[in-house]
């Protein structure tokens, strides 16, 4: 037998032995008819099991939900981008005053009908919610979840799109938006006016608890260093000092937030109601909760880390992989004069990390300084946790590979979202792979690093995955109609007898994982309670 097949067979057997005590709950959603139109179509499910199928029948397109059928249409089109996706029936030749319905591309809720040319849209990466702008003749119309919010005449020469982010949702349906009424702009949070200005608003966000943030453009009472237009940063209960620009912002469900940008030639960061100005090179932003945050920066030519409001100077040329916890610990790696050091709670390690006369490549460091790294020599690779070799030496000819979290194709990325408390990467060598979560290796798994991203039918392919403050999950194909769930490297659950899994509609909150798949002609909801 091929040695690779033996190793893979052993991995699958190991998974069968180590499967967790948790059980998968199966719920039948619906069964397709013999023509298999649903199976051939595109399916969207929400957390509750409600659905919308896009199908093609007798040369016409239809939407089929759990409550209604819409169609037939000559064409169902759509668009997608960083803000999500929109889907709507249309033809290129229809008049602009033809009514049409629409929906969030991933959602099941149908909105409309409305009229007018669709100018732009956003879903805030939610499943059912969508806001869009439509133009008709000399007017522009603003809709949120099918409700007309505002309309006004177009201004000559103005481009109408959502680049100013006039609206934002969250997964529970809270919404914050800004509209213009005559000469004034108004901000509404869940349909309640919370602010007004003669100028536009930027970076609106709202969380599951109804907390919100936004930036208000305004002329200050007195010009600031010859700048007559500044931004005021707002939160639910605070207005911070003026800044010159607002480039990045993010709000978490626990109320933690940050803004950053340039301010009178230098930079600034506003984080959890604290404003830090006259600094530059702001990087490595980590945001855990209202009391716990970290970022690196330079000030008057000195390199520093701010951890929870306290600044620590360092002399490294570069720092790597900073982490922190909720009780005040933080750590990172620092590079100086070729050597790699630990930097723990503001103190540089006495000696560099070194073995085999080489510098290690850092993988992870815990907030208290436990280090995971590897050394590469001419013939071998050695993976260490501090002073302990945790795997046998690996030959440099063993198809060794690493992938960090920002490169995972199964994770959505957003450059504005700061780091959270969790770290995820992947290690592969010989014929096994390992997820590394917060420095801890998973059980061996079929390798996937060197597979074609579009080839989801191969054993080892990652069908779907996700990561948030509660941790991570992946679902991997491990055999014919067999899959394995890995949650936080602590919960492993094997699935058997499933023909296909939906790779889009997965819901993970740290307490349960909900996803969808098919058996024969039937669609099922699967729930794994942790």
Protein backbone atom coordinates (compact mmCIF):
# COMPACT_ATOMS: atom_id res chain seq x y z
CA UNK A 1 0.00 0.00 0.00
CA UNK A 2 1.16 3.53 -0.75
CA UNK A 3 2.74 5.02 2.45
CA UNK A 4 0.78 8.25 1.93
CA UNK A 5 -2.47 6.26 1.91
CA UNK A 6 -1.46 4.51 5.14
CA UNK A 7 -0.78 7.83 6.87
CA UNK A 8 -4.07 9.32 5.64
CA UNK A 9 -5.97 6.17 6.69
CA UNK A 10 -4.43 6.44 10.17
CA UNK A 11 -5.43 10.08 10.45
CA UNK A 12 -9.06 9.25 9.58
CA UNK A 13 -9.10 6.36 12.07
CA UNK A 14 -7.63 8.65 14.73
CA UNK A 15 -10.43 11.12 14.16
CA UNK A 16 -12.99 8.38 14.57
CA UNK A 17 -11.44 7.45 17.90
CA UNK A 18 -11.06 10.99 19.21
CA UNK A 19 -14.51 12.30 18.15
CA UNK A 20 -15.96 14.34 20.99
CA UNK A 21 -18.92 13.38 23.12
CA UNK A 22 -21.02 16.16 21.58
CA UNK A 23 -23.75 15.07 19.19
CA UNK A 24 -25.02 16.71 16.04
CA UNK A 25 -28.70 17.60 15.99
CA UNK A 26 -30.28 17.18 12.55
CA UNK A 27 -33.38 19.06 11.46
CA UNK A 28 -35.06 18.38 8.12
CA UNK A 29 -35.72 21.70 6.36
CA UNK A 30 -37.30 20.45 3.11
CA UNK A 31 -37.04 17.74 0.46
CA UNK A 32 -36.63 18.50 -3.22
CA UNK A 33 -38.90 17.10 -5.91
CA UNK A 34 -37.68 14.56 -8.46
CA UNK A 35 -36.67 17.28 -10.91
CA UNK A 36 -34.01 18.41 -8.34
CA UNK A 37 -34.51 22.08 -9.18
CA UNK A 38 -33.60 23.13 -5.64
CA UNK A 39 -30.45 21.04 -5.61
CA UNK A 40 -29.40 22.61 -8.91
CA UNK A 41 -30.17 26.12 -7.66
CA UNK A 42 -28.50 28.47 -5.21
CA UNK A 43 -29.61 28.17 -1.58
CA UNK A 44 -29.44 30.73 1.24
CA UNK A 45 -30.32 29.87 4.85
CA UNK A 46 -30.49 31.95 7.99
CA UNK A 47 -29.84 30.83 11.54
CA UNK A 48 -33.49 29.91 12.11
CA UNK A 49 -33.72 27.63 9.09
CA UNK A 50 -35.62 30.04 6.85
CA UNK A 51 -34.42 29.91 3.26
CA UNK A 52 -34.45 31.36 -0.23
CA UNK A 53 -33.61 29.35 -3.34
CA UNK A 54 -32.77 30.84 -6.70
CA UNK A 55 -33.84 28.33 -9.35
CA UNK A 56 -34.10 28.12 -13.13
CA UNK A 57 -37.16 26.43 -14.65
CA UNK A 58 -38.56 26.50 -18.16
CA UNK A 59 -36.13 29.27 -19.14
CA UNK A 60 -37.26 31.53 -16.31
CA UNK A 61 -35.80 32.34 -12.89
CA UNK A 62 -37.60 32.12 -9.53
CA UNK A 63 -37.05 32.86 -5.88
CA UNK A 64 -38.58 30.27 -3.58
CA UNK A 65 -38.72 31.02 0.16
CA UNK A 66 -40.29 29.04 2.98
CA UNK A 67 -43.37 31.32 2.71
CA UNK A 68 -43.70 32.38 -0.95
CA UNK A 69 -42.57 32.06 -4.58
CA UNK A 70 -41.46 34.98 -6.76
CA UNK A 71 -41.05 34.80 -10.53
CA UNK A 72 -40.65 33.94 -13.29
CA UNK A 73 -38.03 36.41 -14.41
CA UNK A 74 -35.96 36.54 -17.53
CA UNK A 75 -32.90 37.22 -15.42
CA UNK A 76 -31.87 37.48 -11.76
CA UNK A 77 -28.73 39.54 -11.48
CA UNK A 78 -26.68 40.93 -8.67
CA UNK A 79 -23.44 42.40 -7.49
CA UNK A 80 -21.04 41.77 -4.66
CA UNK A 81 -18.20 43.63 -2.99
CA UNK A 82 -16.64 44.45 0.39
CA UNK A 83 -20.02 45.50 1.79
CA UNK A 84 -21.82 42.28 0.89
CA UNK A 85 -24.04 41.41 -2.06
CA UNK A 86 -27.37 42.34 -3.64
CA UNK A 87 -29.61 40.25 -5.89
CA UNK A 88 -32.55 41.44 -7.97
CA UNK A 89 -34.50 40.48 -11.14
CA UNK A 90 -33.64 42.74 -14.04
CA UNK A 91 -32.93 43.00 -17.72
CA UNK A 92 -30.58 45.42 -19.40
CA UNK A 93 -33.39 46.82 -21.55
CA UNK A 94 -36.09 47.45 -18.94
CA UNK A 95 -37.15 51.10 -18.38
CA UNK A 96 -35.81 52.75 -15.23
CA UNK A 97 -39.35 53.18 -13.85
CA UNK A 98 -40.04 49.43 -13.97
CA UNK A 99 -40.79 48.15 -10.42
CA UNK A 100 -38.50 45.41 -9.09
CA UNK A 101 -37.88 43.47 -5.89
CA UNK A 102 -34.50 42.76 -4.33
CA UNK A 103 -32.74 41.07 -1.42
CA UNK A 104 -29.48 40.66 0.39
CA UNK A 105 -27.59 38.16 -1.76
CA UNK A 106 -27.23 35.75 1.18
CA UNK A 107 -30.64 36.46 2.69
CA UNK A 108 -34.16 35.08 2.41
CA UNK A 109 -36.12 38.28 3.04
CA UNK A 110 -37.49 39.83 -0.18
CA UNK A 111 -37.89 43.63 -0.28
CA UNK A 112 -39.73 46.00 -2.60
CA UNK A 113 -41.00 46.60 -5.14
CA UNK A 114 -39.16 49.85 -5.79
CA UNK A 115 -38.39 51.81 -8.95
CA UNK A 116 -35.26 53.53 -10.18
CA UNK A 117 -31.72 52.66 -11.16
CA UNK A 118 -29.83 50.89 -8.37
CA UNK A 119 -26.86 53.17 -7.64
CA UNK A 120 -25.24 51.44 -4.68
CA UNK A 121 -25.94 49.16 -1.72
CA UNK A 122 -24.53 47.76 1.51
CA UNK A 123 -25.39 44.86 3.80
CA UNK A 124 -22.74 45.41 6.50
CA UNK A 125 -21.94 41.71 5.93
CA UNK A 126 -25.25 40.67 7.53
CA UNK A 127 -27.48 37.92 6.18
CA UNK A 128 -30.87 39.56 5.68
CA UNK A 129 -30.42 43.32 5.92
CA UNK A 130 -29.66 45.65 3.04
CA UNK A 131 -29.67 49.36 2.31
CA UNK A 132 -29.59 50.79 -1.19
CA UNK A 133 -29.76 53.99 -3.17
CA UNK A 134 -31.86 54.25 -6.32
CA UNK A 135 -32.15 57.15 -8.75
CA UNK A 136 -35.17 58.07 -10.83
CA UNK A 137 -35.11 61.07 -13.13
CA UNK A 138 -33.77 64.01 -11.07
CA UNK A 139 -34.14 62.41 -7.61
CA UNK A 140 -32.25 59.98 -5.39
CA UNK A 141 -34.01 57.56 -3.01
CA UNK A 142 -32.64 55.87 0.12
CA UNK A 143 -34.05 52.51 1.28
CA UNK A 144 -33.31 50.42 4.37
CA UNK A 145 -34.77 46.90 4.39
CA UNK A 146 -37.35 47.97 1.84
CA UNK A 147 -38.42 51.08 3.73
CA UNK A 148 -38.04 54.48 2.05
CA UNK A 149 -35.96 56.55 4.46
CA UNK A 150 -35.33 59.71 2.47
CA UNK A 151 -35.42 61.23 -0.98
CA UNK A 152 -34.20 64.48 -2.47
CA UNK A 153 -33.20 66.05 -5.73
CA UNK A 154 -29.79 65.23 -7.13
CA UNK A 155 -27.10 67.82 -6.72
CA UNK A 156 -25.31 68.73 -9.98
CA UNK A 157 -21.97 66.99 -10.38
CA UNK A 158 -22.30 64.85 -7.24
CA UNK A 159 -21.53 61.12 -7.39
CA UNK A 160 -24.07 59.06 -5.46
CA UNK A 161 -22.64 55.97 -3.87
CA UNK A 162 -22.16 54.54 -0.39
CA UNK A 163 -18.47 55.37 -0.03
CA UNK A 164 -19.42 57.68 2.85
CA UNK A 165 -21.08 54.74 4.63
CA UNK A 166 -24.36 56.49 5.37
CA UNK A 167 -25.82 53.37 6.96
CA UNK A 168 -24.67 50.35 8.99
CA UNK A 169 -26.44 47.29 10.39
CA UNK A 170 -25.63 44.58 12.82
CA UNK A 171 -26.72 40.96 12.83
CA UNK A 172 -29.65 41.57 15.17
CA UNK A 173 -31.13 44.26 12.96
CA UNK A 174 -30.01 47.39 14.80
CA UNK A 175 -29.39 50.15 12.27
CA UNK A 176 -27.73 53.55 12.26
CA UNK A 177 -28.03 55.86 9.28
CA UNK A 178 -27.60 59.46 8.19
CA UNK A 179 -29.88 61.32 5.78
CA UNK A 180 -30.13 64.86 4.56
CA UNK A 181 -33.28 66.94 5.08
CA UNK A 182 -33.04 70.26 3.30
CA UNK A 183 -29.78 71.82 4.55
CA UNK A 184 -29.20 69.53 7.56
CA UNK A 185 -27.92 66.00 7.98
CA UNK A 186 -29.44 63.82 10.71
CA UNK A 187 -28.15 60.64 12.35
CA UNK A 188 -30.75 58.05 13.39
CA UNK A 189 -29.94 55.11 15.68
CA UNK A 190 -32.80 52.61 15.54
CA UNK A 191 -35.06 55.32 14.10
CA UNK A 192 -34.25 57.84 16.85
CA UNK A 193 -32.44 61.10 16.02
CA UNK A 194 -29.15 61.21 17.94
CA UNK A 195 -27.34 64.07 16.18
CA UNK A 196 -27.63 66.69 13.44
CA UNK A 197 -25.13 68.74 11.46
CA UNK A 198 -24.76 70.90 8.38
CA UNK A 199 -22.09 68.47 7.15
CA UNK A 200 -21.93 64.78 6.29
CA UNK A 201 -21.22 61.93 8.71
CA UNK A 202 -18.64 59.16 8.29
CA UNK A 203 -17.83 55.75 9.77
CA UNK A 204 -21.24 54.91 11.22
CA UNK A 205 -21.40 51.62 13.15
CA UNK A 206 -23.82 49.99 15.59
CA UNK A 207 -23.55 46.75 17.59
CA UNK A 208 -25.93 44.10 18.88
CA UNK A 209 -26.53 46.07 22.08
CA UNK A 210 -27.42 49.27 20.25
CA UNK A 211 -24.14 51.06 21.07
CA UNK A 212 -23.01 53.22 18.18
CA UNK A 213 -20.14 55.34 16.88
CA UNK A 214 -19.80 57.89 14.09
CA UNK A 215 -17.67 60.83 12.95
CA UNK A 216 -19.30 64.21 12.45
CA UNK A 217 -17.83 66.68 10.00
CA UNK A 218 -18.03 70.23 11.30
CA UNK A 219 -16.40 73.64 11.19
CA UNK A 220 -15.03 74.30 14.69
CA UNK A 221 -15.85 77.57 16.39
CA UNK A 222 -12.20 78.60 15.97
CA UNK A 223 -10.00 77.29 13.12
CA UNK A 224 -7.47 74.69 14.27
CA UNK A 225 -4.06 75.45 12.75
CA UNK A 226 -5.71 76.96 9.68
CA UNK A 227 -8.00 73.95 9.25
CA UNK A 228 -11.59 75.10 8.97
CA UNK A 229 -13.10 71.62 8.67
CA UNK A 230 -12.56 68.95 11.32
CA UNK A 231 -14.20 65.78 12.57
CA UNK A 232 -15.77 65.19 15.95
CA UNK A 233 -15.81 61.55 17.10
CA UNK A 234 -19.08 60.45 18.70
CA UNK A 235 -20.02 57.41 20.73
CA UNK A 236 -23.29 56.56 22.45
CA UNK A 237 -22.38 58.72 25.45
CA UNK A 238 -19.19 60.64 24.54
CA UNK A 239 -17.94 63.29 22.11
CA UNK A 240 -14.17 63.31 21.75
CA UNK A 241 -11.79 66.06 20.64
CA UNK A 242 -11.54 67.18 17.02
CA UNK A 243 -9.35 65.36 14.49
CA UNK A 244 -8.41 66.22 10.94
CA UNK A 245 -9.35 62.95 9.20
CA UNK A 246 -11.11 59.68 9.95
CA UNK A 247 -9.62 56.79 7.98
CA UNK A 248 -10.35 53.67 10.01
CA UNK A 249 -12.89 52.71 12.65
CA UNK A 250 -14.37 49.61 14.25
CA UNK A 251 -16.97 48.86 16.95
CA UNK A 252 -17.25 45.55 18.79
CA UNK A 253 -20.37 44.05 20.33
CA UNK A 254 -18.97 44.58 23.84
CA UNK A 255 -18.73 48.35 23.20
CA UNK A 256 -14.98 48.56 22.57
CA UNK A 257 -14.06 50.75 19.61
CA UNK A 258 -11.34 52.73 17.90
CA UNK A 259 -10.86 55.46 15.28
CA UNK A 260 -7.58 56.38 13.60
CA UNK A 261 -6.27 58.68 10.91
CA UNK A 262 -4.02 61.70 10.42
CA UNK A 263 -4.28 64.84 12.48
CA UNK A 264 -2.33 67.95 11.51
CA UNK A 265 0.56 66.06 9.81
CA UNK A 266 0.93 63.38 12.50
CA UNK A 267 -1.41 60.56 13.43
CA UNK A 268 -3.88 59.80 16.19
CA UNK A 269 -5.89 56.94 17.62
CA UNK A 270 -9.07 57.25 19.65
CA UNK A 271 -9.68 54.02 21.51
CA UNK A 272 -12.23 53.29 24.23
CA UNK A 273 -12.83 56.99 25.00
CA UNK A 274 -9.09 57.76 25.14
CA UNK A 275 -7.54 60.07 22.56
CA UNK A 276 -3.85 59.76 21.69
CA UNK A 277 -2.50 62.51 19.41
CA UNK A 278 0.84 63.68 18.03
CA UNK A 279 1.96 60.12 17.35
CA UNK A 280 2.75 58.23 14.17
CA UNK A 281 3.23 54.75 12.66
CA UNK A 282 0.21 53.37 14.52
CA UNK A 283 0.17 49.60 14.01
CA UNK A 284 -0.62 46.26 15.68
CA UNK A 285 -3.99 47.44 16.99
CA UNK A 286 -5.55 44.84 19.29
CA UNK A 287 -8.93 45.48 20.89
CA UNK A 288 -10.42 43.05 23.40
CA UNK A 289 -12.98 44.98 25.45
CA UNK A 290 -13.64 48.45 26.88
CA UNK A 291 -10.66 48.11 29.24
CA UNK A 292 -8.21 46.07 27.21
CA UNK A 293 -6.35 47.27 24.14
CA UNK A 294 -2.89 47.59 22.63
CA UNK A 295 -1.18 49.37 19.76
CA UNK A 296 2.35 50.23 18.72
CA UNK A 297 3.41 53.72 17.63
CA UNK A 298 6.24 56.20 17.41
CA UNK A 299 6.43 59.42 19.38
CA UNK A 300 9.17 62.01 18.97
CA UNK A 301 11.28 59.41 17.18
CA UNK A 302 10.89 56.76 19.89
CA UNK A 303 9.18 53.41 19.33
CA UNK A 304 6.56 52.45 21.91
CA UNK A 305 3.72 50.11 22.79
CA UNK A 306 0.60 51.34 24.53
CA UNK A 307 -1.07 48.61 26.56
CA UNK A 308 -4.29 49.62 28.31
CA UNK A 309 -3.21 53.25 28.57
CA UNK A 310 0.39 52.68 29.68
CA UNK A 311 3.27 53.30 27.27
CA UNK A 312 6.41 51.17 27.10
CA UNK A 313 9.44 52.18 25.05
CA UNK A 314 11.45 49.58 23.09
CA UNK A 315 14.59 49.61 20.98
CA UNK A 316 13.68 46.91 18.46
CA UNK A 317 13.87 47.43 14.73
CA UNK A 318 10.55 45.61 14.42
CA UNK A 319 8.05 43.81 16.62
CA UNK A 320 6.00 40.70 15.82
CA UNK A 321 2.76 39.03 16.91
CA UNK A 322 1.74 41.12 19.95
CA UNK A 323 -0.83 39.50 22.26
CA UNK A 324 -2.60 40.58 25.43
CA UNK A 325 -5.12 39.24 27.90
CA UNK A 326 -7.89 40.72 30.01
CA UNK A 327 -5.85 40.84 33.23
CA UNK A 328 -3.16 43.20 31.94
CA UNK A 329 -0.46 40.95 30.50
CA UNK A 330 0.98 41.56 27.05
CA UNK A 331 3.90 40.24 25.05
CA UNK A 332 5.47 40.28 21.59
CA UNK A 333 8.67 39.40 19.79
CA UNK A 334 11.25 42.05 18.96
CA UNK A 335 14.01 42.01 16.34
CA UNK A 336 17.30 43.77 17.11
CA UNK A 337 20.70 43.36 15.44
CA UNK A 338 19.56 40.13 13.74
CA UNK A 339 18.47 38.50 17.02
CA UNK A 340 14.92 37.79 18.19
CA UNK A 341 13.89 38.64 21.77
CA UNK A 342 10.81 38.33 23.92
CA UNK A 343 9.22 41.55 25.15
CA UNK A 344 6.95 40.74 28.10
CA UNK A 345 4.95 43.36 29.98
CA UNK A 346 7.30 46.08 28.79
CA UNK A 347 10.56 44.25 29.58
CA UNK A 348 13.01 42.94 27.03
CA UNK A 349 14.33 39.42 27.57
CA UNK A 350 17.88 39.23 28.85
CA UNK A 351 19.02 36.87 26.10
CA UNK A 352 17.83 36.34 22.52
CA UNK A 353 16.06 33.15 21.45
CA UNK A 354 18.63 31.05 19.66
CA UNK A 355 19.51 27.42 18.93
CA UNK A 356 21.49 25.61 16.24
CA UNK A 357 23.31 28.91 15.58
CA UNK A 358 20.23 30.33 13.83
CA UNK A 359 17.48 32.81 14.65
CA UNK A 360 14.00 31.30 15.05
CA UNK A 361 10.92 32.17 13.04
CA UNK A 362 8.18 33.28 15.46
CA UNK A 363 4.78 31.61 15.34
CA UNK A 364 2.99 32.69 18.53
CA UNK A 365 3.70 34.21 21.91
CA UNK A 366 1.20 34.15 24.75
CA UNK A 367 0.42 37.30 26.79
CA UNK A 368 2.59 35.87 29.59
CA UNK A 369 5.49 35.09 27.23
CA UNK A 370 5.17 31.40 26.34
CA UNK A 371 6.75 31.15 22.91
CA UNK A 372 6.07 28.92 19.92
CA UNK A 373 8.74 29.17 17.21
CA UNK A 374 10.86 27.08 14.90
CA UNK A 375 14.49 26.89 13.81
CA UNK A 376 15.48 26.00 10.27
CA UNK A 377 18.94 24.62 9.54
CA UNK A 378 20.38 23.29 6.30
CA UNK A 379 18.74 19.90 6.75
CA UNK A 380 16.06 20.11 9.46
CA UNK A 381 13.28 22.15 11.02
CA UNK A 382 12.81 22.13 14.80
CA UNK A 383 9.57 23.36 16.39
CA UNK A 384 9.84 24.49 20.01
CA UNK A 385 7.59 25.72 22.77
CA UNK A 386 10.12 27.73 24.74
CA UNK A 387 12.89 25.19 25.46
CA UNK A 388 10.85 22.07 24.64
CA UNK A 389 11.00 20.38 21.24
CA UNK A 390 7.31 19.53 20.62
CA UNK A 391 7.62 17.56 17.37
CA UNK A 392 10.35 15.29 16.03
CA UNK A 393 12.86 17.07 13.77
CA UNK A 394 11.35 17.69 10.32
CA UNK A 395 13.36 17.23 7.17
CA UNK A 396 13.58 20.33 4.97
CA UNK A 397 12.52 18.02 2.12
CA UNK A 398 9.26 17.06 3.83
CA UNK A 399 6.90 19.45 2.02
CA UNK A 400 6.89 21.74 5.05
CA UNK A 401 4.58 24.75 4.89
CA UNK A 402 2.98 27.43 7.07
CA UNK A 403 -0.06 29.64 6.61
CA UNK A 404 -1.11 32.53 8.83
CA UNK A 405 -4.64 33.55 9.60
CA UNK A 406 -4.72 36.53 7.23
CA UNK A 407 -4.04 34.15 4.31
CA UNK A 408 -6.83 31.67 5.05
CA UNK A 409 -9.23 31.73 2.11
CA UNK A 410 -12.04 30.35 4.28
CA UNK A 411 -11.93 33.35 6.64
CA UNK A 412 -13.37 36.74 5.77
CA UNK A 413 -10.88 39.54 6.27
CA UNK A 414 -11.39 43.24 6.87
CA UNK A 415 -8.36 45.49 7.23
CA UNK A 416 -10.24 47.78 9.64
CA UNK A 417 -11.01 45.03 12.14
CA UNK A 418 -8.35 44.95 14.89
CA UNK A 419 -6.84 41.81 16.30
CA UNK A 420 -8.78 40.02 19.01
CA UNK A 421 -7.63 37.75 21.80
CA UNK A 422 -7.19 34.73 19.50
CA UNK A 423 -4.45 33.60 17.12
CA UNK A 424 -4.77 30.98 14.39
CA UNK A 425 -2.27 29.52 11.94
CA UNK A 426 -1.65 26.28 10.09
CA UNK A 427 1.36 23.96 9.91
CA UNK A 428 1.85 21.16 7.40
CA UNK A 429 4.60 18.66 6.76
CA UNK A 430 4.89 15.15 5.35
CA UNK A 431 1.25 14.12 4.99
CA UNK A 432 -0.41 15.74 7.98
CA UNK A 433 -1.59 19.21 8.92
CA UNK A 434 -2.12 20.99 12.23
CA UNK A 435 -4.20 24.01 13.15
CA UNK A 436 -2.37 26.06 15.78
CA UNK A 437 -4.80 27.96 17.98
CA UNK A 438 -3.33 30.27 20.59
CA UNK A 439 -0.10 28.30 20.42
CA UNK A 440 -1.68 24.86 20.82
CA UNK A 441 -1.51 22.25 18.05
CA UNK A 442 -4.57 20.36 16.88
CA UNK A 443 -4.73 16.64 16.35
CA UNK A 444 -3.17 15.66 12.99
CA UNK A 445 -5.49 16.28 10.06
CA UNK A 446 -5.40 15.59 6.32
CA UNK A 447 -3.24 18.27 4.66
CA UNK A 448 -4.81 21.06 2.62
CA UNK A 449 -2.16 23.74 2.11
CA UNK A 450 -1.08 22.75 -1.38
CA UNK A 451 -4.51 21.91 -2.76
CA UNK A 452 -6.34 23.84 -5.46
CA UNK A 453 -8.63 26.34 -3.73
CA UNK A 454 -11.44 25.52 -6.18
CA UNK A 455 -11.12 21.79 -5.69
CA UNK A 456 -13.51 21.29 -2.76
CA UNK A 457 -14.15 17.60 -3.47
CA UNK A 458 -10.67 16.45 -2.54
CA UNK A 459 -10.02 14.83 0.80
CA UNK A 460 -8.45 17.44 3.04
CA UNK A 461 -10.28 20.40 1.51
CA UNK A 462 -11.58 22.96 3.99
CA UNK A 463 -15.26 23.36 3.09
CA UNK A 464 -15.89 26.33 5.36
CA UNK A 465 -14.62 28.03 8.49
CA UNK A 466 -14.87 31.10 10.64
CA UNK A 467 -13.23 32.96 13.49
CA UNK A 468 -14.35 35.56 16.03
CA UNK A 469 -13.76 36.53 19.66
CA UNK A 470 -15.13 33.12 20.73
CA UNK A 471 -12.60 31.16 18.72
CA UNK A 472 -12.60 29.34 15.39
CA UNK A 473 -14.20 26.46 13.56
CA UNK A 474 -13.41 24.61 10.36
CA UNK A 475 -15.22 21.81 8.53
CA UNK A 476 -12.89 19.59 6.54
CA UNK A 477 -13.62 16.79 4.10
CA UNK A 478 -11.95 13.61 5.36
CA UNK A 479 -13.55 10.96 3.16
CA UNK A 480 -16.40 10.05 0.84
CA UNK A 481 -19.46 11.82 2.36
CA UNK A 482 -17.42 12.29 5.54
CA UNK A 483 -16.44 15.56 7.20
CA UNK A 484 -14.73 16.64 10.38
CA UNK A 485 -15.54 19.69 12.52
CA UNK A 486 -12.74 21.22 14.58
CA UNK A 487 -13.73 23.91 17.09
CA UNK A 488 -10.89 25.62 18.97
CA UNK A 489 -8.75 22.47 18.78
CA UNK A 490 -10.83 21.14 21.67
CA UNK A 491 -14.04 19.88 20.06
CA UNK A 492 -13.80 17.38 17.22
CA UNK A 493 -16.91 15.90 15.62
CA UNK A 494 -17.12 13.59 12.63
CA UNK A 495 -20.04 13.77 10.17
CA UNK A 496 -21.03 10.87 7.93
CA UNK A 497 -23.55 10.35 5.17
CA UNK A 498 -23.70 13.98 4.02
CA UNK A 499 -23.54 14.59 0.28
CA UNK A 500 -22.74 18.30 0.28
CA UNK A 501 -22.27 21.09 2.80
CA UNK A 502 -23.30 24.71 2.32
CA UNK A 503 -20.05 26.69 2.58
CA UNK A 504 -21.68 30.11 3.14
CA UNK A 505 -24.39 29.86 5.77
CA UNK A 506 -22.64 28.98 9.03
CA UNK A 507 -23.33 30.54 12.43
CA UNK A 508 -20.84 30.26 15.28
CA UNK A 509 -21.20 32.06 18.63
CA UNK A 510 -18.91 30.02 20.86
CA UNK A 511 -21.82 28.05 22.28
CA UNK A 512 -23.04 26.34 19.13
CA UNK A 513 -22.28 25.91 15.45
CA UNK A 514 -25.18 25.87 12.98
CA UNK A 515 -24.69 24.91 9.33
CA UNK A 516 -26.53 23.28 6.42
CA UNK A 517 -26.09 20.34 4.06
CA UNK A 518 -27.85 17.79 1.91
CA UNK A 519 -28.56 14.09 2.12
CA UNK A 520 -30.02 12.73 -1.06
CA UNK A 521 -32.71 15.20 -2.12
CA UNK A 522 -33.22 16.62 1.38
CA UNK A 523 -31.81 19.76 2.97
CA UNK A 524 -30.87 19.63 6.65
CA UNK A 525 -29.89 22.06 9.37
CA UNK A 526 -27.12 20.71 11.62
CA UNK A 527 -26.48 22.06 15.12
CA UNK A 528 -23.48 21.21 17.26
CA UNK A 529 -23.85 22.47 20.83
CA UNK A 530 -20.52 22.92 22.57
